[in-house]
Amino acid sequence: MNRPILALATTIALASAVHIAQRRQQHRQSLELAVHQAHGRMLEVATTHPDLDPIWVRNHPDHVKDDESGPLLMCQWWLEFWRTGLNLRVFTPAILRQNARNFMQDPTALKAWALTRHGRALQSRGRWDRLHVALLDAAFEEAGGPSQYPELELAPASAL
């Protein structure tokens, strides 16, 4: 076979493989974005109508009152926003560290993290999810969360 033809065929095959890989990656990112958008819409409905989704009360009946569902869902929404932003590299660890410190100053946010942190740690899918948990855990501990919620430190892990 002629060398120029072989080089052209190799170039075409390589370009085709790169194109297919890029399309697969774009498809995966598109699906992931759709999942996050659907989750955002569910949280939006649950936040505006907490009686429709009393998951916090149901999962933590000893710790959550009915009127806390809405505020806890809003905290969950922020946590998911930062996790997604960190995964997509929209947020840097430094930005998330600062946001986490400010977030943990709110008693409801502190409670939301206390109730879900162990479950989130168990469900971490990769490096960025683990970093998200570590940064929020550090802020939680700095804010005195473990001493405010000692009973949740030994509780069985559940994640929302």
N, C-alpha and C. Protein backbone atom coordinates (compact mmCIF):
# COMPACT_ATOMS: atom_id res chain seq x y z
N MET A 1 0.85 -1.18 0.00
CA MET A 1 0.00 0.00 0.00
C MET A 1 0.89 1.23 0.00
N ASN A 2 0.47 2.23 -0.67
CA ASN A 2 1.21 3.47 -0.80
C ASN A 2 1.26 4.20 0.54
N ARG A 3 2.41 4.72 0.92
CA ARG A 3 2.57 5.38 2.23
C ARG A 3 1.64 6.58 2.41
N PRO A 4 1.49 7.45 1.45
CA PRO A 4 0.57 8.57 1.65
C PRO A 4 -0.88 8.11 1.89
N ILE A 5 -1.29 7.07 1.23
CA ILE A 5 -2.64 6.55 1.42
C ILE A 5 -2.77 5.95 2.82
N LEU A 6 -1.75 5.23 3.27
CA LEU A 6 -1.75 4.65 4.61
C LEU A 6 -1.79 5.75 5.68
N ALA A 7 -1.02 6.80 5.48
CA ALA A 7 -1.01 7.93 6.42
C ALA A 7 -2.38 8.61 6.46
N LEU A 8 -2.99 8.78 5.28
CA LEU A 8 -4.32 9.39 5.21
C LEU A 8 -5.36 8.51 5.90
N ALA A 9 -5.30 7.21 5.68
CA ALA A 9 -6.24 6.28 6.31
C ALA A 9 -6.07 6.29 7.83
N THR A 10 -4.83 6.33 8.28
CA THR A 10 -4.56 6.38 9.73
C THR A 10 -5.11 7.67 10.32
N THR A 11 -4.89 8.78 9.64
CA THR A 11 -5.38 10.08 10.10
C THR A 11 -6.91 10.09 10.18
N ILE A 12 -7.54 9.55 9.16
CA ILE A 12 -9.01 9.49 9.14
C ILE A 12 -9.52 8.60 10.28
N ALA A 13 -8.89 7.45 10.49
CA ALA A 13 -9.32 6.54 11.56
C ALA A 13 -9.14 7.20 12.92
N LEU A 14 -8.01 7.88 13.11
CA LEU A 14 -7.77 8.57 14.39
C LEU A 14 -8.77 9.69 14.61
N ALA A 15 -9.03 10.48 13.59
CA ALA A 15 -10.00 11.58 13.70
C ALA A 15 -11.39 11.03 14.00
N SER A 16 -11.74 9.92 13.38
CA SER A 16 -13.04 9.29 13.62
C SER A 16 -13.14 8.81 15.07
N ALA A 17 -12.09 8.19 15.57
CA ALA A 17 -12.10 7.70 16.96
C ALA A 17 -12.22 8.86 17.94
N VAL A 18 -11.50 9.94 17.68
CA VAL A 18 -11.57 11.12 18.55
C VAL A 18 -12.98 11.71 18.52
N HIS A 19 -13.55 11.79 17.32
CA HIS A 19 -14.92 12.33 17.18
C HIS A 19 -15.93 11.48 17.95
N ILE A 20 -15.83 10.17 17.84
CA ILE A 20 -16.74 9.27 18.56
C ILE A 20 -16.58 9.44 20.07
N ALA A 21 -15.35 9.52 20.54
CA ALA A 21 -15.10 9.70 21.97
C ALA A 21 -15.67 11.02 22.47
N GLN A 22 -15.51 12.08 21.67
CA GLN A 22 -16.06 13.39 22.06
C GLN A 22 -17.58 13.35 22.10
N ARG A 23 -18.19 12.68 21.14
CA ARG A 23 -19.66 12.58 21.12
C ARG A 23 -20.17 11.83 22.34
N ARG A 24 -19.49 10.74 22.71
CA ARG A 24 -19.88 9.97 23.90
C ARG A 24 -19.77 10.83 25.15
N GLN A 25 -18.67 11.58 25.27
CA GLN A 25 -18.47 12.44 26.43
C GLN A 25 -19.56 13.52 26.48
N GLN A 26 -19.87 14.13 25.33
CA GLN A 26 -20.92 15.14 25.29
C GLN A 26 -22.27 14.55 25.67
N HIS A 27 -22.53 13.34 25.20
CA HIS A 27 -23.79 12.67 25.53
C HIS A 27 -23.88 12.41 27.03
N ARG A 28 -22.80 11.93 27.62
CA ARG A 28 -22.76 11.67 29.06
C ARG A 28 -22.96 12.96 29.85
N GLN A 29 -22.29 14.02 29.43
CA GLN A 29 -22.45 15.31 30.11
C GLN A 29 -23.87 15.83 29.97
N SER A 30 -24.45 15.63 28.80
CA SER A 30 -25.83 16.05 28.57
C SER A 30 -26.79 15.30 29.49
N LEU A 31 -26.58 13.98 29.62
CA LEU A 31 -27.43 13.19 30.51
C LEU A 31 -27.25 13.60 31.97
N GLU A 32 -26.01 13.84 32.36
CA GLU A 32 -25.74 14.26 33.74
C GLU A 32 -26.39 15.61 34.02
N LEU A 33 -26.31 16.53 33.07
CA LEU A 33 -26.95 17.83 33.24
C LEU A 33 -28.47 17.67 33.36
N ALA A 34 -29.06 16.79 32.56
CA ALA A 34 -30.50 16.56 32.63
C ALA A 34 -30.91 16.01 34.00
N VAL A 35 -30.10 15.10 34.54
CA VAL A 35 -30.39 14.55 35.88
C VAL A 35 -30.33 15.66 36.93
N HIS A 36 -29.31 16.50 36.85
CA HIS A 36 -29.18 17.59 37.82
C HIS A 36 -30.32 18.60 37.68
N GLN A 37 -30.74 18.87 36.45
CA GLN A 37 -31.85 19.79 36.25
C GLN A 37 -33.15 19.21 36.81
N ALA A 38 -33.37 17.92 36.60
CA ALA A 38 -34.57 17.28 37.14
C ALA A 38 -34.53 17.32 38.67
N HIS A 39 -33.37 17.05 39.25
CA HIS A 39 -33.24 17.10 40.71
C HIS A 39 -33.50 18.52 41.21
N GLY A 40 -33.00 19.50 40.49
CA GLY A 40 -33.25 20.89 40.87
C GLY A 40 -34.73 21.24 40.84
N ARG A 41 -35.43 20.75 39.83
CA ARG A 41 -36.89 21.01 39.75
C ARG A 41 -37.63 20.33 40.90
N MET A 42 -37.21 19.09 41.23
CA MET A 42 -37.85 18.39 42.37
C MET A 42 -37.61 19.16 43.66
N LEU A 43 -36.39 19.63 43.86
CA LEU A 43 -36.09 20.39 45.08
C LEU A 43 -36.87 21.70 45.10
N GLU A 44 -37.04 22.31 43.94
CA GLU A 44 -37.79 23.56 43.87
C GLU A 44 -39.24 23.35 44.31
N VAL A 45 -39.85 22.29 43.81
CA VAL A 45 -41.23 21.99 44.20
C VAL A 45 -41.30 21.63 45.68
N ALA A 46 -40.37 20.81 46.13
CA ALA A 46 -40.36 20.40 47.53
C ALA A 46 -40.10 21.57 48.46
N THR A 47 -39.28 22.52 48.03
CA THR A 47 -38.99 23.68 48.87
C THR A 47 -40.20 24.60 48.96
N THR A 48 -40.91 24.78 47.86
CA THR A 48 -42.07 25.67 47.89
C THR A 48 -43.31 24.98 48.47
N HIS A 49 -43.33 23.64 48.44
CA HIS A 49 -44.44 22.88 49.00
C HIS A 49 -43.89 21.72 49.84
N PRO A 50 -43.29 22.01 51.00
CA PRO A 50 -42.64 20.96 51.78
C PRO A 50 -43.58 19.85 52.24
N ASP A 51 -44.90 20.13 52.26
CA ASP A 51 -45.85 19.10 52.65
C ASP A 51 -45.94 17.98 51.61
N LEU A 52 -45.52 18.27 50.36
CA LEU A 52 -45.55 17.26 49.31
C LEU A 52 -44.42 16.25 49.44
N ASP A 53 -43.34 16.65 50.11
CA ASP A 53 -42.18 15.78 50.21
C ASP A 53 -41.58 15.88 51.62
N PRO A 54 -42.22 15.24 52.58
CA PRO A 54 -41.73 15.34 53.97
C PRO A 54 -40.58 14.37 54.25
N ILE A 55 -39.63 14.26 53.31
CA ILE A 55 -38.57 13.27 53.43
C ILE A 55 -37.70 13.49 54.66
N TRP A 56 -37.47 14.74 55.02
CA TRP A 56 -36.65 15.01 56.20
C TRP A 56 -37.32 14.51 57.46
N VAL A 57 -38.60 14.79 57.58
CA VAL A 57 -39.36 14.35 58.76
C VAL A 57 -39.45 12.83 58.79
N ARG A 58 -39.69 12.22 57.64
CA ARG A 58 -39.81 10.78 57.55
C ARG A 58 -38.48 10.07 57.86
N ASN A 59 -37.38 10.60 57.36
CA ASN A 59 -36.08 9.96 57.56
C ASN A 59 -35.46 10.24 58.92
N HIS A 60 -35.83 11.36 59.52
CA HIS A 60 -35.24 11.75 60.81
C HIS A 60 -36.33 12.20 61.78
N PRO A 61 -37.27 11.33 62.12
CA PRO A 61 -38.41 11.74 62.94
C PRO A 61 -38.01 12.23 64.34
N ASP A 62 -36.90 11.78 64.86
CA ASP A 62 -36.47 12.21 66.19
C ASP A 62 -35.79 13.57 66.18
N HIS A 63 -35.43 14.06 65.01
CA HIS A 63 -34.63 15.28 64.94
C HIS A 63 -35.26 16.42 64.15
N VAL A 64 -36.25 16.11 63.31
CA VAL A 64 -36.81 17.13 62.42
C VAL A 64 -38.30 17.30 62.69
N LYS A 65 -38.69 18.56 62.85
CA LYS A 65 -40.12 18.90 63.02
C LYS A 65 -40.70 19.21 61.64
N ASP A 66 -42.03 19.13 61.54
CA ASP A 66 -42.71 19.36 60.26
C ASP A 66 -42.34 20.70 59.62
N ASP A 67 -42.24 21.74 60.42
CA ASP A 67 -41.98 23.08 59.86
C ASP A 67 -40.52 23.27 59.43
N GLU A 68 -39.67 22.27 59.65
CA GLU A 68 -38.27 22.38 59.26
C GLU A 68 -38.00 21.80 57.87
N SER A 69 -38.95 21.09 57.30
CA SER A 69 -38.72 20.44 56.00
C SER A 69 -38.31 21.43 54.92
N GLY A 70 -39.04 22.51 54.77
CA GLY A 70 -38.73 23.50 53.74
C GLY A 70 -37.33 24.08 53.88
N PRO A 71 -36.99 24.61 55.06
CA PRO A 71 -35.64 25.15 55.23
C PRO A 71 -34.53 24.10 55.05
N LEU A 72 -34.78 22.87 55.50
CA LEU A 72 -33.77 21.83 55.31
C LEU A 72 -33.61 21.47 53.84
N LEU A 73 -34.71 21.47 53.10
CA LEU A 73 -34.63 21.22 51.66
C LEU A 73 -33.86 22.32 50.96
N MET A 74 -34.03 23.56 51.41
CA MET A 74 -33.26 24.65 50.81
C MET A 74 -31.77 24.45 51.08
N CYS A 75 -31.42 24.01 52.26
CA CYS A 75 -30.02 23.71 52.57
C CYS A 75 -29.52 22.58 51.68
N GLN A 76 -30.34 21.58 51.48
CA GLN A 76 -29.95 20.47 50.61
C GLN A 76 -29.70 20.98 49.20
N TRP A 77 -30.52 21.89 48.77
CA TRP A 77 -30.37 22.45 47.43
C TRP A 77 -29.01 23.13 47.29
N TRP A 78 -28.63 23.92 48.31
CA TRP A 78 -27.31 24.56 48.28
C TRP A 78 -26.19 23.53 48.26
N LEU A 79 -26.32 22.51 49.09
CA LEU A 79 -25.28 21.47 49.14
C LEU A 79 -25.11 20.79 47.79
N GLU A 80 -26.21 20.48 47.15
CA GLU A 80 -26.14 19.84 45.84
C GLU A 80 -25.59 20.79 44.78
N PHE A 81 -25.93 22.06 44.87
CA PHE A 81 -25.42 23.07 43.95
C PHE A 81 -23.89 23.14 44.04
N TRP A 82 -23.37 23.17 45.25
CA TRP A 82 -21.92 23.24 45.42
C TRP A 82 -21.24 21.94 45.00
N ARG A 83 -21.86 20.81 45.30
CA ARG A 83 -21.27 19.53 44.89
C ARG A 83 -21.18 19.46 43.37
N THR A 84 -22.25 19.81 42.70
CA THR A 84 -22.26 19.80 41.24
C THR A 84 -21.25 20.81 40.69
N GLY A 85 -21.22 21.99 41.28
CA GLY A 85 -20.27 23.01 40.82
C GLY A 85 -18.83 22.60 40.99
N LEU A 86 -18.54 21.91 42.07
CA LEU A 86 -17.18 21.41 42.30
C LEU A 86 -16.86 20.30 41.30
N ASN A 87 -17.82 19.40 41.05
CA ASN A 87 -17.62 18.32 40.08
C ASN A 87 -17.38 18.86 38.68
N LEU A 88 -18.06 19.94 38.33
CA LEU A 88 -17.93 20.52 36.98
C LEU A 88 -16.81 21.56 36.92
N ARG A 89 -16.10 21.75 38.03
CA ARG A 89 -14.97 22.69 38.16
C ARG A 89 -15.41 24.15 38.01
N VAL A 90 -16.69 24.43 38.29
CA VAL A 90 -17.17 25.80 38.31
C VAL A 90 -16.70 26.48 39.60
N PHE A 91 -16.68 25.71 40.68
CA PHE A 91 -16.19 26.21 41.97
C PHE A 91 -14.82 25.61 42.25
N THR A 92 -13.96 26.43 42.79
CA THR A 92 -12.65 25.93 43.23
C THR A 92 -12.80 25.48 44.69
N PRO A 93 -11.88 24.66 45.17
CA PRO A 93 -11.92 24.29 46.58
C PRO A 93 -11.88 25.50 47.51
N ALA A 94 -11.12 26.54 47.14
CA ALA A 94 -11.05 27.74 47.99
C ALA A 94 -12.41 28.44 48.09
N ILE A 95 -13.11 28.54 46.97
CA ILE A 95 -14.44 29.17 46.98
C ILE A 95 -15.40 28.34 47.82
N LEU A 96 -15.38 27.02 47.61
CA LEU A 96 -16.28 26.16 48.37
C LEU A 96 -15.94 26.20 49.86
N ARG A 97 -14.68 26.25 50.19
CA ARG A 97 -14.27 26.32 51.61
C ARG A 97 -14.88 27.57 52.26
N GLN A 98 -14.79 28.70 51.58
CA GLN A 98 -15.36 29.95 52.11
C GLN A 98 -16.88 29.87 52.20
N ASN A 99 -17.52 29.35 51.16
CA ASN A 99 -18.97 29.20 51.18
C ASN A 99 -19.42 28.26 52.30
N ALA A 100 -18.66 27.19 52.50
CA ALA A 100 -19.01 26.22 53.55
C ALA A 100 -18.91 26.86 54.94
N ARG A 101 -17.88 27.66 55.17
CA ARG A 101 -17.76 28.35 56.46
C ARG A 101 -18.96 29.26 56.71
N ASN A 102 -19.33 30.02 55.70
CA ASN A 102 -20.48 30.92 55.85
C ASN A 102 -21.77 30.13 56.02
N PHE A 103 -21.92 29.06 55.27
CA PHE A 103 -23.11 28.21 55.32
C PHE A 103 -23.30 27.63 56.72
N MET A 104 -22.23 27.16 57.33
CA MET A 104 -22.32 26.50 58.63
C MET A 104 -22.60 27.48 59.78
N GLN A 105 -22.64 28.76 59.47
CA GLN A 105 -23.01 29.74 60.50
C GLN A 105 -24.51 29.74 60.74
N ASP A 106 -25.26 29.19 59.80
CA ASP A 106 -26.71 29.11 59.93
C ASP A 106 -27.08 27.83 60.68
N PRO A 107 -27.88 27.92 61.75
CA PRO A 107 -28.23 26.73 62.52
C PRO A 107 -28.94 25.64 61.71
N THR A 108 -29.78 26.04 60.76
CA THR A 108 -30.48 25.04 59.94
C THR A 108 -29.50 24.33 59.01
N ALA A 109 -28.56 25.07 58.47
CA ALA A 109 -27.55 24.47 57.60
C ALA A 109 -26.68 23.50 58.39
N LEU A 110 -26.32 23.90 59.59
CA LEU A 110 -25.52 23.02 60.45
C LEU A 110 -26.28 21.73 60.72
N LYS A 111 -27.57 21.85 60.97
CA LYS A 111 -28.40 20.67 61.23
C LYS A 111 -28.52 19.79 59.98
N ALA A 112 -28.70 20.42 58.83
CA ALA A 112 -28.81 19.67 57.57
C ALA A 112 -27.55 18.85 57.32
N TRP A 113 -26.40 19.46 57.56
CA TRP A 113 -25.16 18.72 57.33
C TRP A 113 -24.99 17.62 58.38
N ALA A 114 -25.37 17.92 59.63
CA ALA A 114 -25.26 16.91 60.68
C ALA A 114 -26.10 15.68 60.34
N LEU A 115 -27.27 15.89 59.77
CA LEU A 115 -28.17 14.79 59.45
C LEU A 115 -27.72 13.97 58.24
N THR A 116 -26.96 14.58 57.33
CA THR A 116 -26.66 13.90 56.07
C THR A 116 -25.18 13.62 55.81
N ARG A 117 -24.31 14.13 56.63
CA ARG A 117 -22.89 14.06 56.28
C ARG A 117 -22.33 12.65 56.19
N HIS A 118 -22.75 11.77 57.07
CA HIS A 118 -22.23 10.41 57.03
C HIS A 118 -22.73 9.67 55.78
N GLY A 119 -23.99 9.88 55.45
CA GLY A 119 -24.53 9.27 54.24
C GLY A 119 -23.89 9.83 52.98
N ARG A 120 -23.64 11.11 52.96
CA ARG A 120 -22.98 11.72 51.81
C ARG A 120 -21.56 11.17 51.65
N ALA A 121 -20.88 10.97 52.76
CA ALA A 121 -19.52 10.42 52.70
C ALA A 121 -19.56 9.00 52.12
N LEU A 122 -20.56 8.22 52.52
CA LEU A 122 -20.67 6.85 51.99
C LEU A 122 -21.03 6.82 50.51
N GLN A 123 -21.75 7.85 50.05
CA GLN A 123 -22.20 7.88 48.65
C GLN A 123 -21.26 8.63 47.72
N SER A 124 -20.17 9.15 48.22
CA SER A 124 -19.24 9.90 47.37
C SER A 124 -18.76 9.03 46.23
N ARG A 125 -18.92 9.55 45.01
CA ARG A 125 -18.61 8.76 43.82
C ARG A 125 -17.18 8.93 43.33
N GLY A 126 -16.52 9.96 43.72
CA GLY A 126 -15.19 10.19 43.18
C GLY A 126 -14.45 11.24 43.97
N ARG A 127 -13.33 11.64 43.40
CA ARG A 127 -12.44 12.60 44.06
C ARG A 127 -13.14 13.90 44.44
N TRP A 128 -13.92 14.45 43.53
CA TRP A 128 -14.55 15.75 43.78
C TRP A 128 -15.67 15.65 44.81
N ASP A 129 -16.42 14.55 44.78
CA ASP A 129 -17.45 14.34 45.81
C ASP A 129 -16.81 14.20 47.19
N ARG A 130 -15.69 13.47 47.25
CA ARG A 130 -15.00 13.32 48.54
C ARG A 130 -14.44 14.66 49.02
N LEU A 131 -13.96 15.47 48.09
CA LEU A 131 -13.46 16.80 48.45
C LEU A 131 -14.61 17.66 48.97
N HIS A 132 -15.76 17.57 48.32
CA HIS A 132 -16.95 18.31 48.77
C HIS A 132 -17.29 17.96 50.21
N VAL A 133 -17.33 16.66 50.50
CA VAL A 133 -17.64 16.20 51.86
C VAL A 133 -16.56 16.68 52.84
N ALA A 134 -15.31 16.58 52.45
CA ALA A 134 -14.21 16.97 53.34
C ALA A 134 -14.26 18.46 53.67
N LEU A 135 -14.52 19.29 52.66
CA LEU A 135 -14.57 20.74 52.90
C LEU A 135 -15.75 21.12 53.79
N LEU A 136 -16.90 20.50 53.55
CA LEU A 136 -18.06 20.80 54.38
C LEU A 136 -17.91 20.21 55.78
N ASP A 137 -17.30 19.05 55.88
CA ASP A 137 -17.03 18.47 57.20
C ASP A 137 -16.11 19.38 58.02
N ALA A 138 -15.07 19.91 57.38
CA ALA A 138 -14.14 20.80 58.08
C ALA A 138 -14.87 22.03 58.59
N ALA A 139 -15.73 22.60 57.76
CA ALA A 139 -16.50 23.78 58.18
C ALA A 139 -17.47 23.42 59.30
N PHE A 140 -18.08 22.24 59.19
CA PHE A 140 -19.02 21.75 60.21
C PHE A 140 -18.30 21.61 61.56
N GLU A 141 -17.15 21.00 61.53
CA GLU A 141 -16.39 20.81 62.77
C GLU A 141 -15.91 22.14 63.33
N GLU A 142 -15.47 23.04 62.46
CA GLU A 142 -15.03 24.38 62.88
C GLU A 142 -16.17 25.15 63.55
N ALA A 143 -17.40 24.94 63.05
CA ALA A 143 -18.57 25.63 63.60
C ALA A 143 -19.10 24.95 64.87
N GLY A 144 -18.48 23.85 65.28
CA GLY A 144 -18.92 23.16 66.50
C GLY A 144 -20.06 22.19 66.29
N GLY A 145 -20.28 21.77 65.07
CA GLY A 145 -21.38 20.86 64.76
C GLY A 145 -21.38 19.56 65.53
N PRO A 146 -20.25 18.86 65.63
CA PRO A 146 -20.26 17.58 66.36
C PRO A 146 -20.68 17.73 67.83
N SER A 147 -20.31 18.84 68.44
CA SER A 147 -20.71 19.03 69.85
C SER A 147 -22.18 19.45 69.97
N GLN A 148 -22.73 20.07 68.92
CA GLN A 148 -24.15 20.45 68.95
C GLN A 148 -25.06 19.27 68.60
N TYR A 149 -24.54 18.32 67.85
CA TYR A 149 -25.33 17.16 67.44
C TYR A 149 -24.59 15.87 67.74
N PRO A 150 -24.22 15.64 69.00
CA PRO A 150 -23.44 14.42 69.31
C PRO A 150 -24.21 13.13 69.03
N GLU A 151 -25.54 13.19 69.17
CA GLU A 151 -26.34 11.98 68.94
C GLU A 151 -26.32 11.55 67.48
N LEU A 152 -26.02 12.47 66.58
CA LEU A 152 -25.97 12.14 65.16
C LEU A 152 -24.60 11.61 64.73
N GLU A 153 -23.63 11.74 65.58
CA GLU A 153 -22.30 11.23 65.27
C GLU A 153 -22.28 9.70 65.32
N LEU A 154 -23.16 9.12 66.11
CA LEU A 154 -23.20 7.67 66.24
C LEU A 154 -24.40 7.05 65.56
N ALA A 155 -25.26 7.92 65.01
CA ALA A 155 -26.50 7.46 64.37
C ALA A 155 -26.18 6.70 63.08
N PRO A 156 -27.07 5.77 62.68
CA PRO A 156 -26.88 5.09 61.40
C PRO A 156 -26.92 6.12 60.27
N ALA A 157 -26.09 5.93 59.31
CA ALA A 157 -25.99 6.88 58.21
C ALA A 157 -27.21 6.79 57.31
N SER A 158 -27.74 7.95 56.98
CA SER A 158 -28.77 8.03 55.95
C SER A 158 -28.44 9.26 55.12
N ALA A 159 -28.74 9.18 53.88
CA ALA A 159 -28.43 10.29 53.00
C ALA A 159 -29.68 10.75 52.29
N LEU A 160 -29.77 12.03 52.16
CA LEU A 160 -30.87 12.61 51.41
C LEU A 160 -30.34 13.14 50.11
